[in-house]
Structure formats: structure tokens, C-alpha cells
N, C-alpha and C. Protein backbone atom coordinates (compact mmCIF):
# COMPACT_ATOMS: atom_id res chain seq x y z
N UNK A 1 0.82 -1.19 0.00
CA UNK A 1 0.00 0.00 0.00
C UNK A 1 0.86 1.26 0.00
N UNK A 2 2.01 1.20 0.65
CA UNK A 2 2.88 2.37 0.72
C UNK A 2 3.39 2.76 -0.66
N UNK A 3 3.74 1.80 -1.47
CA UNK A 3 4.21 2.09 -2.82
C UNK A 3 3.10 2.66 -3.69
N UNK A 4 1.87 2.18 -3.50
CA UNK A 4 0.74 2.72 -4.27
C UNK A 4 0.48 4.17 -3.91
N UNK A 5 0.54 4.49 -2.64
CA UNK A 5 0.34 5.88 -2.20
C UNK A 5 1.40 6.80 -2.77
N UNK A 6 2.65 6.34 -2.77
CA UNK A 6 3.73 7.13 -3.32
C UNK A 6 3.54 7.34 -4.81
N UNK A 7 3.08 6.32 -5.51
CA UNK A 7 2.82 6.45 -6.93
C UNK A 7 1.70 7.44 -7.20
N UNK A 8 0.66 7.40 -6.40
CA UNK A 8 -0.45 8.33 -6.56
C UNK A 8 0.00 9.77 -6.29
N UNK A 9 0.81 9.96 -5.26
CA UNK A 9 1.34 11.30 -4.99
C UNK A 9 2.23 11.79 -6.13
N UNK A 10 3.02 10.89 -6.69
CA UNK A 10 3.85 11.26 -7.83
C UNK A 10 3.02 11.66 -9.03
N UNK A 11 1.93 10.93 -9.28
CA UNK A 11 1.05 11.28 -10.38
C UNK A 11 0.36 12.61 -10.14
N UNK A 12 -0.03 12.87 -8.90
CA UNK A 12 -0.65 14.16 -8.58
C UNK A 12 0.35 15.30 -8.79
N UNK A 13 1.59 15.10 -8.38
CA UNK A 13 2.63 16.12 -8.59
C UNK A 13 2.87 16.35 -10.07
N UNK A 14 2.87 15.29 -10.85
CA UNK A 14 3.03 15.42 -12.29
C UNK A 14 1.86 16.17 -12.90
N UNK A 15 0.65 15.92 -12.41
CA UNK A 15 -0.53 16.62 -12.92
C UNK A 15 -0.45 18.12 -12.61
N UNK A 16 0.01 18.45 -11.41
CA UNK A 16 0.16 19.86 -11.04
C UNK A 16 1.22 20.52 -11.92
N UNK A 17 2.36 19.87 -12.09
CA UNK A 17 3.42 20.42 -12.93
C UNK A 17 2.94 20.60 -14.37
N UNK A 18 2.25 19.60 -14.90
CA UNK A 18 1.75 19.69 -16.27
C UNK A 18 0.74 20.82 -16.40
N UNK A 19 -0.12 20.97 -15.40
CA UNK A 19 -1.09 22.07 -15.44
C UNK A 19 -0.43 23.43 -15.43
N UNK A 20 0.60 23.60 -14.60
CA UNK A 20 1.30 24.87 -14.56
C UNK A 20 2.02 25.13 -15.87
N UNK A 21 2.63 24.12 -16.44
CA UNK A 21 3.32 24.28 -17.71
C UNK A 21 2.32 24.63 -18.81
N UNK A 22 1.18 23.96 -18.83
CA UNK A 22 0.17 24.21 -19.84
C UNK A 22 -0.36 25.63 -19.72
N UNK A 23 -0.55 26.10 -18.50
CA UNK A 23 -1.07 27.46 -18.28
C UNK A 23 -0.09 28.50 -18.79
N UNK A 24 1.20 28.32 -18.51
CA UNK A 24 2.18 29.30 -18.99
C UNK A 24 2.30 29.24 -20.51
N UNK A 25 2.20 28.07 -21.09
CA UNK A 25 2.25 27.95 -22.55
C UNK A 25 1.02 28.59 -23.19
N UNK A 26 -0.15 28.42 -22.55
CA UNK A 26 -1.37 29.02 -23.07
C UNK A 26 -1.27 30.54 -23.06
N UNK A 27 -0.74 31.08 -21.97
CA UNK A 27 -0.58 32.54 -21.88
C UNK A 27 0.41 33.06 -22.90
N UNK A 28 1.50 32.34 -23.10
CA UNK A 28 2.49 32.76 -24.09
C UNK A 28 1.89 32.74 -25.49
N UNK A 29 1.12 31.72 -25.81
CA UNK A 29 0.49 31.64 -27.13
C UNK A 29 -0.53 32.76 -27.31
N UNK A 30 -1.28 33.06 -26.26
CA UNK A 30 -2.26 34.14 -26.34
C UNK A 30 -1.57 35.48 -26.51
N UNK A 31 -0.45 35.67 -25.83
CA UNK A 31 0.30 36.92 -25.97
C UNK A 31 0.85 37.06 -27.38
N UNK A 32 1.34 35.98 -27.96
CA UNK A 32 1.86 36.04 -29.33
C UNK A 32 0.74 36.33 -30.31
N UNK A 33 -0.43 35.74 -30.08
CA UNK A 33 -1.55 35.97 -30.99
C UNK A 33 -2.05 37.40 -30.91
N UNK A 34 -2.01 37.98 -29.73
CA UNK A 34 -2.48 39.36 -29.56
C UNK A 34 -1.48 40.37 -30.11
N UNK A 35 -0.22 40.00 -30.08
CA UNK A 35 0.81 40.94 -30.52
C UNK A 35 0.87 42.12 -29.59
N UNK A 36 0.80 43.31 -30.16
CA UNK A 36 0.87 44.52 -29.35
C UNK A 36 -0.48 45.22 -29.29
N UNK A 37 -1.54 44.46 -29.50
CA UNK A 37 -2.87 45.04 -29.42
C UNK A 37 -3.16 45.50 -28.00
N UNK A 38 -3.79 46.64 -27.90
CA UNK A 38 -4.11 47.20 -26.57
C UNK A 38 -5.30 46.46 -25.98
N UNK A 39 -5.22 46.20 -24.68
CA UNK A 39 -6.31 45.56 -23.96
C UNK A 39 -7.30 46.65 -23.58
N UNK A 40 -8.55 46.47 -23.99
CA UNK A 40 -9.55 47.51 -23.76
C UNK A 40 -10.03 47.55 -22.30
N UNK A 41 -10.09 46.42 -21.66
CA UNK A 41 -10.57 46.37 -20.28
C UNK A 41 -9.56 45.62 -19.42
N UNK A 42 -8.51 46.32 -18.96
CA UNK A 42 -7.46 45.62 -18.21
C UNK A 42 -7.96 44.98 -16.91
N UNK A 43 -8.92 45.61 -16.23
CA UNK A 43 -9.42 45.03 -14.98
C UNK A 43 -10.17 43.74 -15.26
N UNK A 44 -10.95 43.73 -16.33
CA UNK A 44 -11.70 42.51 -16.69
C UNK A 44 -10.73 41.41 -17.11
N UNK A 45 -9.70 41.78 -17.85
CA UNK A 45 -8.70 40.80 -18.28
C UNK A 45 -7.96 40.23 -17.08
N UNK A 46 -7.59 41.11 -16.13
CA UNK A 46 -6.90 40.64 -14.92
C UNK A 46 -7.80 39.72 -14.10
N UNK A 47 -9.09 40.06 -14.01
CA UNK A 47 -10.02 39.22 -13.27
C UNK A 47 -10.17 37.85 -13.93
N UNK A 48 -10.21 37.83 -15.26
CA UNK A 48 -10.32 36.56 -15.97
C UNK A 48 -9.06 35.71 -15.77
N UNK A 49 -7.90 36.34 -15.79
CA UNK A 49 -6.65 35.62 -15.55
C UNK A 49 -6.60 35.07 -14.13
N UNK A 50 -7.05 35.87 -13.16
CA UNK A 50 -7.09 35.42 -11.78
C UNK A 50 -8.03 34.24 -11.61
N UNK A 51 -9.19 34.32 -12.25
CA UNK A 51 -10.16 33.22 -12.16
C UNK A 51 -9.58 31.94 -12.76
N UNK A 52 -8.89 32.07 -13.89
CA UNK A 52 -8.28 30.89 -14.52
C UNK A 52 -7.21 30.28 -13.61
N UNK A 53 -6.41 31.12 -12.99
CA UNK A 53 -5.36 30.62 -12.09
C UNK A 53 -5.98 29.95 -10.86
N UNK A 54 -7.04 30.55 -10.31
CA UNK A 54 -7.71 29.94 -9.16
C UNK A 54 -8.35 28.62 -9.52
N UNK A 55 -8.92 28.53 -10.71
CA UNK A 55 -9.52 27.27 -11.14
C UNK A 55 -8.45 26.19 -11.29
N UNK A 56 -7.32 26.55 -11.87
CA UNK A 56 -6.22 25.59 -12.02
C UNK A 56 -5.73 25.12 -10.65
N UNK A 57 -5.57 26.06 -9.73
CA UNK A 57 -5.10 25.70 -8.39
C UNK A 57 -6.15 24.85 -7.66
N UNK A 58 -7.42 25.16 -7.85
CA UNK A 58 -8.48 24.38 -7.22
C UNK A 58 -8.52 22.95 -7.71
N UNK A 59 -8.38 22.79 -9.02
CA UNK A 59 -8.37 21.44 -9.59
C UNK A 59 -7.16 20.66 -9.11
N UNK A 60 -6.02 21.34 -9.04
CA UNK A 60 -4.80 20.67 -8.54
C UNK A 60 -4.97 20.26 -7.08
N UNK A 61 -5.58 21.13 -6.27
CA UNK A 61 -5.81 20.80 -4.86
C UNK A 61 -6.79 19.63 -4.73
N UNK A 62 -7.82 19.63 -5.56
CA UNK A 62 -8.77 18.53 -5.54
C UNK A 62 -8.10 17.22 -5.93
N UNK A 63 -7.26 17.26 -6.96
CA UNK A 63 -6.55 16.06 -7.39
C UNK A 63 -5.62 15.56 -6.28
N UNK A 64 -4.96 16.48 -5.59
CA UNK A 64 -4.07 16.09 -4.50
C UNK A 64 -4.88 15.49 -3.34
N UNK A 65 -6.02 16.09 -3.03
CA UNK A 65 -6.86 15.56 -1.94
C UNK A 65 -7.37 14.18 -2.29
N UNK A 66 -7.82 14.00 -3.53
CA UNK A 66 -8.29 12.68 -3.94
C UNK A 66 -7.16 11.65 -3.91
N UNK A 67 -5.96 12.09 -4.30
CA UNK A 67 -4.83 11.17 -4.27
C UNK A 67 -4.48 10.78 -2.84
N UNK A 68 -4.56 11.73 -1.92
CA UNK A 68 -4.27 11.41 -0.53
C UNK A 68 -5.33 10.49 0.06
N UNK A 69 -6.59 10.74 -0.27
CA UNK A 69 -7.66 9.88 0.25
C UNK A 69 -7.55 8.47 -0.34
N UNK A 70 -7.29 8.39 -1.63
CA UNK A 70 -7.18 7.09 -2.28
C UNK A 70 -5.91 6.36 -1.84
N UNK A 71 -4.85 7.11 -1.62
CA UNK A 71 -3.58 6.48 -1.27
C UNK A 71 -3.48 6.06 0.18
N UNK A 72 -4.07 6.84 1.06
CA UNK A 72 -3.92 6.56 2.48
C UNK A 72 -5.24 6.21 3.17
N UNK A 73 -6.34 6.25 2.43
CA UNK A 73 -7.65 6.03 3.05
C UNK A 73 -8.03 4.65 3.20
């Protein structure tokens, strides 16, 4: 059981790392597509970026919690 829990934690860590990498790649691609176009509503854009980051963090936390429950429960 100890090895299974460690494997699940490793998979959760990989999922978090992959999510963070995907998020930074998505932002870089969006920045390249926009070029130097001016953002018309910077507060709305910042709020949308914050919401996306919180959603990514929430999903990662949920995955970690599920991994801990499944691994040690």
C-alpha cells in the first residue's frame, strides 16, 4: 500500500506540474496571438486571468486531496 500511495502522490505532482506548464504555454500563445494590441478592459482581463489561475489551483488541490484519500484512506 505504501508504494501505491507514493505512486499516486507522484502522479498528482506530475498533474500539477503539467497544469502549470500548460497554463504558462497558453498565456504565451495568447500573448503572441495578440501581438501589441491594446487591452480595452485591463481590470476585466486581470479578473479573468485570476479566475483561470484559481480554477487551475483548485483542480490541482482537488486532485491532491483525492490522491491522498485514495492512497492513504
